[in-house]
Amino acid sequence: MQKKTTEGKHIYKIKGMDCASCASLLEIDLEEAGIESKCSYTNEVLEVEETSDFDKIKRIVKKSGYDII
């Protein structure tokens, strides 16, 4: 699992997204849990605030049908 930090953000590689709608739905799932994010299908990355709870993010990503690699 790769995790990079840039300008107060964590960036994670996401596996399993099939289209741009997948990225949008993942953003919505995270937003409902109070986590502000940006997800890119084409780059296969998820960007969140560095203060976000990683375990919570991981659970939501997994529940949504994707994996953090």
Protein backbone atom coordinates (compact mmCIF):
# COMPACT_ATOMS: atom_id res chain seq x y z
CA MET A 1 0.00 0.00 0.00
CA GLN A 2 1.52 3.27 -1.09
CA LYS A 3 0.80 6.44 0.78
CA LYS A 4 2.27 9.76 -0.23
CA THR A 5 1.88 13.04 1.57
CA THR A 6 1.76 16.32 -0.31
CA GLU A 7 0.64 19.71 0.98
CA GLY A 8 -1.40 18.32 3.87
CA LYS A 9 -2.96 15.54 1.80
CA HIS A 10 -2.55 11.77 1.67
CA ILE A 11 -2.69 10.10 -1.73
CA TYR A 12 -3.57 6.40 -2.02
CA LYS A 13 -3.56 4.11 -5.07
CA ILE A 14 -6.99 2.55 -5.61
CA LYS A 15 -7.59 -0.74 -7.43
CA GLY A 16 -10.88 -1.92 -8.92
CA MET A 17 -12.50 1.21 -10.36
CA ASP A 18 -14.05 0.65 -13.81
CA CYS A 19 -15.12 4.18 -14.77
CA ALA A 20 -15.38 7.81 -13.67
CA SER A 21 -18.70 7.03 -11.96
CA CYS A 22 -16.86 4.63 -9.65
CA ALA A 23 -14.63 7.49 -8.52
CA SER A 24 -17.62 9.78 -7.98
CA LEU A 25 -19.49 7.16 -5.96
CA LEU A 26 -16.43 6.57 -3.77
CA GLU A 27 -16.18 10.31 -3.12
CA ILE A 28 -19.87 10.32 -2.10
CA ASP A 29 -19.40 7.33 0.24
CA LEU A 30 -16.47 9.07 1.92
CA GLU A 31 -18.33 12.39 2.11
CA GLU A 32 -21.24 10.70 3.89
CA ALA A 33 -18.72 9.56 6.50
CA GLY A 34 -17.41 13.11 6.90
CA ILE A 35 -14.24 12.63 4.84
CA GLU A 36 -13.53 15.19 2.13
CA SER A 37 -11.83 13.57 -0.85
CA LYS A 38 -10.97 13.70 -4.53
CA CYS A 39 -10.83 10.48 -6.49
CA SER A 40 -9.43 10.05 -9.99
CA TYR A 41 -10.42 7.02 -12.06
CA THR A 42 -7.83 7.71 -14.77
CA ASN A 43 -4.95 8.04 -12.28
CA GLU A 44 -6.39 5.41 -9.89
CA VAL A 45 -5.76 7.62 -6.86
CA LEU A 46 -7.68 8.86 -3.86
CA GLU A 47 -6.66 12.12 -2.20
CA VAL A 48 -7.80 12.93 1.35
CA GLU A 49 -6.88 15.39 4.09
CA GLU A 50 -3.91 14.18 6.12
CA THR A 51 -5.98 14.39 9.31
CA SER A 52 -8.42 11.76 7.99
CA ASP A 53 -8.64 8.39 9.79
CA PHE A 54 -6.91 5.81 7.57
CA ASP A 55 -8.72 2.81 9.09
CA LYS A 56 -12.07 4.47 8.41
CA ILE A 57 -11.04 5.30 4.84
CA LYS A 58 -9.86 1.72 4.27
CA ARG A 59 -13.18 0.29 5.55
CA ILE A 60 -15.22 2.60 3.31
CA VAL A 61 -13.08 1.90 0.24
CA LYS A 62 -13.38 -1.86 0.84
CA LYS A 63 -17.14 -1.64 1.48
CA SER A 64 -17.48 0.30 -1.79
CA GLY A 65 -15.83 -2.59 -3.62
CA TYR A 66 -12.29 -1.27 -4.14
CA ASP A 67 -8.86 -1.83 -2.62
CA ILE A 68 -6.12 0.50 -1.43
CA ILE A 69 -2.84 -0.82 -2.82
